[in-house]
């Protein structure tokens, strides 16, 4: 969807259907433990005027202030300093009950400005969110309310996104897989096995989502992106259950070490 504009405001909006009651969906999209289970480690002070903080790793943190708090229907917050000298980005999330224990979630990101300097960043929200929404659907359908932990390995690659993604996909044996196909990482890589849930490719974004059976029940997102023209590859594990935290703590250093070796070998070959 294109950016929408009126005098003094420009915004993008997304609407998607998820399983769960309004209370289950609210817990997933408006609390720290809930958002950490499908997005990124998040802290939420659950009140108007409270702080909300997203930790994207490597020191990249985005902080905001909650402006709307109406459980289980409406959350609003403003993030300042999210992109240099850009004006604050205001986010509103509305949960509406739907038939069959499902909910419609509407998310709107707004900038209050007449300048088009940050239109590219606004458009990137539409590109980046759908993959996370798929993780949210899996979480709500199969793991609602379970303990969750996250393990992330991400690094910049020397080549462009096409080559960086090809290197990662080939090394993991994920190149050419199909939705519904069983998948297991080859010998010499950290363990992942499960069923392929989603495959997505766009000009500046790639991801393959696997519904994990091991090393722990959960979801793996194997991806690549090129924000600002800098190509990055990543493996993001969302792990659930009583053993999730211990498994994440054990798996994260394995993936970071393996990813560093992969990029080092790729640099040496170019």
Protein backbone atom coordinates (compact mmCIF):
# COMPACT_ATOMS: atom_id res chain seq x y z
CA UNK A 1 0.00 0.00 0.00
CA UNK A 2 1.20 3.49 -0.81
CA UNK A 3 1.86 6.23 1.70
CA UNK A 4 -1.29 8.22 2.44
CA UNK A 5 -1.02 11.99 2.81
CA UNK A 6 -3.03 14.91 4.10
CA UNK A 7 -1.87 18.39 5.05
CA UNK A 8 0.69 17.94 7.81
CA UNK A 9 0.45 14.16 8.05
CA UNK A 10 1.64 11.11 6.10
CA UNK A 11 1.08 7.51 7.14
CA UNK A 12 1.04 3.83 6.23
CA UNK A 13 -1.48 1.34 7.56
CA UNK A 14 -1.70 -2.43 7.68
CA UNK A 15 -4.52 -4.77 8.66
CA UNK A 16 -4.19 -8.49 9.32
CA UNK A 17 -6.12 -11.38 10.85
CA UNK A 18 -4.72 -13.44 13.73
CA UNK A 19 -6.03 -16.33 15.86
CA UNK A 20 -6.98 -15.73 19.49
CA UNK A 21 -9.35 -13.81 21.71
CA UNK A 22 -8.90 -10.04 22.12
CA UNK A 23 -7.27 -10.67 25.50
CA UNK A 24 -4.77 -13.17 24.04
CA UNK A 25 -3.96 -10.86 21.13
CA UNK A 26 -3.57 -7.87 23.47
CA UNK A 27 -1.11 -9.78 25.65
CA UNK A 28 0.92 -10.57 22.52
CA UNK A 29 1.01 -7.08 21.02
CA UNK A 30 0.95 -4.77 24.05
CA UNK A 31 3.10 -6.36 26.77
CA UNK A 32 6.85 -6.85 27.00
CA UNK A 33 6.82 -10.66 27.26
CA UNK A 34 4.21 -10.88 24.50
CA UNK A 35 6.04 -8.71 21.97
CA UNK A 36 9.36 -10.38 22.81
CA UNK A 37 7.79 -13.72 21.81
CA UNK A 38 7.39 -12.76 18.13
CA UNK A 39 9.09 -9.40 17.45
CA UNK A 40 12.18 -8.24 19.35
CA UNK A 41 13.05 -8.04 23.07
CA UNK A 42 10.65 -5.39 24.36
CA UNK A 43 9.92 -3.67 27.65
CA UNK A 44 6.55 -2.01 28.27
CA UNK A 45 5.48 0.14 31.22
CA UNK A 46 1.78 -0.62 30.85
CA UNK A 47 0.15 2.81 31.30
CA UNK A 48 -0.34 6.11 29.50
CA UNK A 49 2.92 8.00 29.85
CA UNK A 50 4.85 4.77 30.39
CA UNK A 51 7.94 3.85 28.43
CA UNK A 52 8.14 1.30 25.60
CA UNK A 53 11.55 0.10 24.43
CA UNK A 54 12.55 -2.19 21.54
CA UNK A 55 16.02 -3.79 21.60
CA UNK A 56 17.18 -4.63 18.06
CA UNK A 57 20.61 -5.87 19.14
CA UNK A 58 24.15 -4.50 18.73
CA UNK A 59 23.19 -1.44 20.77
CA UNK A 60 20.29 -0.45 18.51
CA UNK A 61 17.43 0.53 20.83
CA UNK A 62 14.28 2.49 19.97
CA UNK A 63 12.38 4.08 22.84
CA UNK A 64 8.97 5.68 23.00
CA UNK A 65 6.19 6.90 25.25
CA UNK A 66 2.76 5.26 25.48
CA UNK A 67 0.03 7.69 24.41
CA UNK A 68 -2.99 5.36 24.33
CA UNK A 69 -3.67 2.42 26.64
CA UNK A 70 -7.10 0.79 26.39
CA UNK A 71 -6.84 -2.97 27.04
CA UNK A 72 -7.68 -5.10 25.14
CA UNK A 73 -8.51 -2.80 22.22
CA UNK A 74 -6.10 0.07 21.59
CA UNK A 75 -2.39 0.83 22.04
CA UNK A 76 -0.64 4.00 20.92
CA UNK A 77 2.94 5.17 21.34
CA UNK A 78 5.38 7.77 19.98
CA UNK A 79 9.05 7.10 19.23
CA UNK A 80 11.44 10.06 19.24
CA UNK A 81 14.91 9.89 17.70
CA UNK A 82 14.00 6.79 15.72
CA UNK A 83 15.81 8.07 12.62
CA UNK A 84 18.17 10.99 13.07
CA UNK A 85 16.34 14.31 12.79
CA UNK A 86 13.04 12.76 11.69
CA UNK A 87 9.92 13.89 13.55
CA UNK A 88 8.46 11.41 16.05
CA UNK A 89 6.73 8.41 14.52
CA UNK A 90 3.33 7.75 16.07
CA UNK A 91 2.06 4.15 16.09
CA UNK A 92 -1.50 3.07 16.78
CA UNK A 93 -2.57 -0.57 17.10
CA UNK A 94 -6.27 -1.48 17.28
CA UNK A 95 -7.61 -4.97 18.06
CA UNK A 96 -11.13 -5.87 16.93
CA UNK A 97 -12.84 -9.16 17.69
CA UNK A 98 -13.72 -11.35 14.69
CA UNK A 99 -15.69 -14.56 14.36
CA UNK A 100 -14.17 -17.91 15.30
CA UNK A 101 -11.86 -16.73 18.10
CA UNK A 102 -9.94 -14.51 15.74
CA UNK A 103 -9.09 -10.81 15.75
CA UNK A 104 -8.36 -8.14 13.18
CA UNK A 105 -5.33 -6.05 14.06
CA UNK A 106 -4.90 -2.65 12.42
CA UNK A 107 -1.54 -0.91 12.70
CA UNK A 108 -0.89 2.66 11.58
CA UNK A 109 2.46 4.50 11.53
CA UNK A 110 2.18 8.30 11.15
CA UNK A 111 4.60 11.18 10.68
CA UNK A 112 3.26 14.69 11.26
CA UNK A 113 5.16 16.61 8.61
CA UNK A 114 4.74 17.99 5.09
CA UNK A 115 8.26 16.91 4.09
CA UNK A 116 8.86 13.73 2.11
CA UNK A 117 12.40 13.16 3.47
CA UNK A 118 11.38 10.05 5.39
CA UNK A 119 8.90 8.45 2.97
CA UNK A 120 11.34 5.61 2.29
CA UNK A 121 11.48 4.76 5.98
CA UNK A 122 7.69 4.82 6.24
CA UNK A 123 7.42 2.46 3.28
CA UNK A 124 9.97 0.12 4.90
CA UNK A 125 7.55 -0.51 7.76
CA UNK A 126 5.23 -2.22 5.28
CA UNK A 127 8.11 -4.34 4.00
CA UNK A 128 9.42 -5.41 7.37
CA UNK A 129 6.27 -6.16 9.37
CA UNK A 130 4.63 -9.01 7.39
CA UNK A 131 7.30 -11.55 8.34
CA UNK A 132 6.89 -10.69 12.01
CA UNK A 133 3.11 -10.96 11.64
CA UNK A 134 3.56 -14.53 10.41
CA UNK A 135 5.59 -15.34 13.54
CA UNK A 136 2.81 -13.72 15.61
CA UNK A 137 0.20 -15.94 13.96
CA UNK A 138 2.23 -19.07 14.67
CA UNK A 139 2.81 -17.99 18.25
CA UNK A 140 -0.88 -17.29 18.89
CA UNK A 141 -2.02 -20.48 17.16
CA UNK A 142 0.43 -22.93 18.68
CA UNK A 143 2.22 -21.37 21.68
CA UNK A 144 -0.06 -18.71 23.24
CA UNK A 145 1.11 -17.58 26.66
CA UNK A 146 4.09 -19.95 26.77
CA UNK A 147 7.47 -18.84 28.07
CA UNK A 148 9.52 -17.45 25.23
CA UNK A 149 13.17 -16.67 24.54
CA UNK A 150 14.96 -15.23 21.54
CA UNK A 151 18.34 -16.02 19.97
CA UNK A 152 19.64 -13.78 17.17
CA UNK A 153 22.67 -13.83 14.91
CA UNK A 154 22.97 -10.95 12.44
CA UNK A 155 25.87 -9.54 10.47
CA UNK A 156 26.64 -7.23 7.59
CA UNK A 157 27.95 -8.90 4.44
CA UNK A 158 30.55 -7.51 2.03
CA UNK A 159 28.51 -8.17 -1.11
CA UNK A 160 25.02 -7.10 -2.11
CA UNK A 161 21.88 -8.72 -0.71
CA UNK A 162 21.50 -11.17 -3.60
CA UNK A 163 24.96 -12.65 -3.05
CA UNK A 164 24.77 -12.46 0.74
CA UNK A 165 21.45 -14.29 0.79
CA UNK A 166 22.70 -16.89 -1.68
CA UNK A 167 25.70 -17.57 0.58
CA UNK A 168 23.53 -17.98 3.68
CA UNK A 169 20.82 -20.05 2.00
CA UNK A 170 23.34 -22.38 0.40
CA UNK A 171 25.30 -22.90 3.62
CA UNK A 172 22.12 -23.75 5.55
CA UNK A 173 20.69 -25.98 2.82
CA UNK A 174 17.60 -23.82 2.63
CA UNK A 175 17.99 -22.75 -1.01
CA UNK A 176 15.20 -24.20 -3.14
CA UNK A 177 13.01 -25.44 -0.29
CA UNK A 178 9.23 -25.27 -0.59
CA UNK A 179 6.42 -24.48 1.84
CA UNK A 180 5.36 -27.62 3.71
CA UNK A 181 8.69 -29.33 3.12
CA UNK A 182 10.64 -30.80 6.05
CA UNK A 183 13.94 -29.05 6.64
CA UNK A 184 17.11 -29.84 8.57
CA UNK A 185 20.39 -27.91 8.61
CA UNK A 186 23.35 -29.88 7.23
CA UNK A 187 26.28 -31.25 9.20
CA UNK A 188 28.66 -28.53 10.33
CA UNK A 189 25.95 -25.95 11.06
CA UNK A 190 23.98 -25.38 14.27
CA UNK A 191 20.90 -27.59 14.55
CA UNK A 192 17.54 -26.57 13.14
CA UNK A 193 14.83 -28.92 11.99
CA UNK A 194 11.15 -28.53 11.31
CA UNK A 195 8.68 -27.67 8.53
CA UNK A 196 8.95 -24.72 6.14
CA UNK A 197 6.07 -22.32 6.80
CA UNK A 198 6.73 -19.30 4.56
CA UNK A 199 9.08 -18.20 1.76
CA UNK A 200 9.24 -14.54 0.80
CA UNK A 201 11.50 -12.66 -1.61
CA UNK A 202 11.39 -8.97 -2.49
CA UNK A 203 13.92 -6.51 -3.86
CA UNK A 204 15.28 -5.49 -0.46
CA UNK A 205 14.13 -8.35 1.74
CA UNK A 206 14.29 -12.16 1.94
CA UNK A 207 13.01 -14.58 4.55
CA UNK A 208 12.26 -18.25 5.07
CA UNK A 209 10.21 -19.12 8.17
CA UNK A 210 10.46 -22.61 9.65
CA UNK A 211 8.10 -24.04 12.29
CA UNK A 212 10.74 -25.60 14.55
CA UNK A 213 10.71 -28.99 16.20
CA UNK A 214 14.33 -28.76 17.34
CA UNK A 215 16.50 -27.83 19.08
CA UNK A 216 13.35 -26.56 20.83
CA UNK A 217 9.74 -25.95 19.75
CA UNK A 218 9.45 -22.55 18.12
CA UNK A 219 9.97 -20.55 14.95
CA UNK A 220 13.12 -19.78 12.96
CA UNK A 221 13.36 -16.80 10.61
CA UNK A 222 16.29 -17.02 8.20
CA UNK A 223 16.54 -13.73 6.38
CA UNK A 224 18.37 -10.97 4.62
CA UNK A 225 17.71 -7.27 4.17
CA UNK A 226 19.42 -4.15 2.89
CA UNK A 227 18.46 -1.11 4.98
CA UNK A 228 20.21 1.98 3.69
CA UNK A 229 21.92 -0.12 1.04
CA UNK A 230 23.90 -2.19 3.59
CA UNK A 231 23.21 -5.90 3.08
CA UNK A 232 22.70 -7.97 6.23
CA UNK A 233 21.90 -11.61 6.84
CA UNK A 234 20.35 -13.07 9.97
CA UNK A 235 19.01 -16.09 11.79
CA UNK A 236 16.37 -15.28 14.40
CA UNK A 237 15.06 -18.02 16.68
CA UNK A 238 11.85 -17.65 18.69
CA UNK A 239 11.81 -20.52 21.18
CA UNK A 240 8.92 -21.53 23.44
CA UNK A 241 8.29 -23.67 26.50
CA UNK A 242 9.93 -24.29 29.85
CA UNK A 243 13.33 -25.00 28.24
CA UNK A 244 13.26 -21.98 25.91
CA UNK A 245 15.57 -19.69 27.91
CA UNK A 246 18.24 -22.34 28.46
CA UNK A 247 18.11 -23.42 24.81
CA UNK A 248 18.35 -19.82 23.55
CA UNK A 249 21.35 -19.14 25.80
CA UNK A 250 23.11 -22.22 24.41
CA UNK A 251 22.20 -21.66 20.75
CA UNK A 252 22.88 -17.91 20.38
CA UNK A 253 26.71 -18.11 20.65
CA UNK A 254 26.78 -21.09 18.26
CA UNK A 255 24.92 -19.13 15.60
CA UNK A 256 26.98 -15.96 16.07
CA UNK A 257 30.23 -17.88 15.77
CA UNK A 258 29.01 -19.78 12.72
CA UNK A 259 27.75 -16.59 11.05
CA UNK A 260 31.09 -14.81 11.66
CA UNK A 261 32.96 -17.72 10.08
CA UNK A 262 30.62 -17.75 7.10
CA UNK A 263 31.10 -14.04 6.41
CA UNK A 264 34.87 -14.31 6.92
CA UNK A 265 35.03 -17.12 4.36
CA UNK A 266 32.85 -15.10 1.95
CA UNK A 267 35.17 -12.07 2.26
CA UNK A 268 38.22 -14.26 1.67
CA UNK A 269 36.71 -15.64 -1.55
CA UNK A 270 35.92 -12.20 -3.04
